[in-house]
Structure formats: structure tokens, C-alpha cells
Protein backbone atom coordinates (compact mmCIF):
# COMPACT_ATOMS: atom_id res chain seq x y z
CA UNK A 1 64.12 -12.77 -15.74
CA UNK A 2 61.39 -13.14 -13.52
CA UNK A 3 59.05 -15.44 -11.79
CA UNK A 4 55.36 -15.42 -10.98
CA UNK A 5 53.60 -16.26 -7.93
CA UNK A 6 52.11 -18.19 -7.07
CA UNK A 7 54.05 -21.25 -9.39
CA UNK A 8 52.12 -21.70 -11.95
CA UNK A 9 52.91 -25.49 -14.27
CA UNK A 10 52.33 -24.50 -17.30
CA UNK A 11 51.54 -20.62 -19.29
CA UNK A 12 47.79 -22.13 -19.85
CA UNK A 13 47.67 -22.35 -16.19
CA UNK A 14 48.66 -18.79 -15.20
CA UNK A 15 46.36 -17.49 -18.00
CA UNK A 16 43.53 -18.81 -16.48
CA UNK A 17 44.25 -17.66 -13.19
CA UNK A 18 44.90 -14.01 -14.59
CA UNK A 19 41.70 -14.23 -16.41
CA UNK A 20 39.44 -15.41 -13.72
CA UNK A 21 40.88 -12.39 -11.23
CA UNK A 22 43.19 -14.62 -9.27
CA UNK A 23 45.91 -12.37 -7.87
CA UNK A 24 49.62 -12.79 -9.32
CA UNK A 25 52.61 -10.88 -8.44
CA UNK A 26 55.97 -10.91 -10.33
CA UNK A 27 59.09 -11.08 -7.98
CA UNK A 28 62.95 -11.04 -9.56
CA UNK A 29 65.01 -13.51 -7.20
CA UNK A 30 68.33 -12.33 -6.65
CA UNK A 31 68.10 -9.01 -9.75
CA UNK A 32 65.99 -7.13 -7.53
CA UNK A 33 62.42 -5.32 -7.55
CA UNK A 34 60.33 -5.31 -10.59
CA UNK A 35 58.42 -2.37 -11.80
CA UNK A 36 54.60 -2.05 -10.24
CA UNK A 37 53.19 -1.07 -14.25
CA UNK A 38 54.84 -2.39 -16.99
CA UNK A 39 55.66 -5.36 -18.75
CA UNK A 40 58.05 -7.91 -17.46
CA UNK A 41 59.33 -11.27 -18.82
CA UNK A 42 58.78 -14.10 -16.87
CA UNK A 43 59.44 -17.97 -17.00
CA UNK A 44 57.78 -20.88 -14.88
CA UNK A 45 58.03 -23.13 -13.30
CA UNK A 46 60.00 -22.11 -10.34
CA UNK A 47 63.37 -23.99 -9.69
CA UNK A 48 64.56 -26.88 -9.18
CA UNK A 49 61.70 -27.87 -12.06
CA UNK A 50 63.11 -26.78 -15.31
CA UNK A 51 61.75 -24.21 -17.04
CA UNK A 52 59.43 -24.95 -19.55
CA UNK A 53 57.40 -22.03 -20.43
CA UNK A 54 58.20 -18.27 -21.11
CA UNK A 55 55.19 -15.15 -21.08
CA UNK A 56 55.13 -11.47 -21.53
CA UNK A 57 52.88 -9.72 -18.39
CA UNK A 58 51.34 -6.76 -18.80
CA UNK A 59 51.72 -5.34 -14.93
CA UNK A 60 49.20 -2.63 -12.80
CA UNK A 61 50.16 -1.30 -9.07
CA UNK A 62 52.34 -4.78 -8.66
CA UNK A 63 49.11 -7.11 -10.49
CA UNK A 64 49.85 -9.13 -13.85
CA UNK A 65 46.46 -7.76 -15.68
CA UNK A 66 47.67 -9.46 -18.86
CA UNK A 67 49.55 -12.49 -20.38
CA UNK A 68 51.07 -13.34 -23.73
């Protein structure tokens, strides 16, 4: 599973950020790289807080463009 940066407390906050054009990137610690283009599954918020949301994101040139 991967995460997004910045760290959003809710999926709603992630969706709003992407909708308003904020640059959101995906990373996967310990797993390696994520694709620059395509679909990835992310979760949040980051450790040490418990994960409380999960999302499918579309990535274009390394930046999240949509959230499901």
C-alpha cells in the first residue's frame, strides 16, 4: 500500500486538495517506487496514526489527478 504527500487526515480532505489543484504525490516507503502514470491504491493518515481511509488514485506525471 502507498501513501500520499502531504498527509491528509481524511479522504475528503485529499479529494478537496486534488480538486483545487494542490500538488499531491504518492510514495511507498519500503516497497519502492510507484508508477509515474496509472492507478495506485493509497491509505492514510500516515503512521503512527491508525489508517482510517483508503482510496484509488489516478496518477499523471507523478501527480495525483483524481481520487475515488
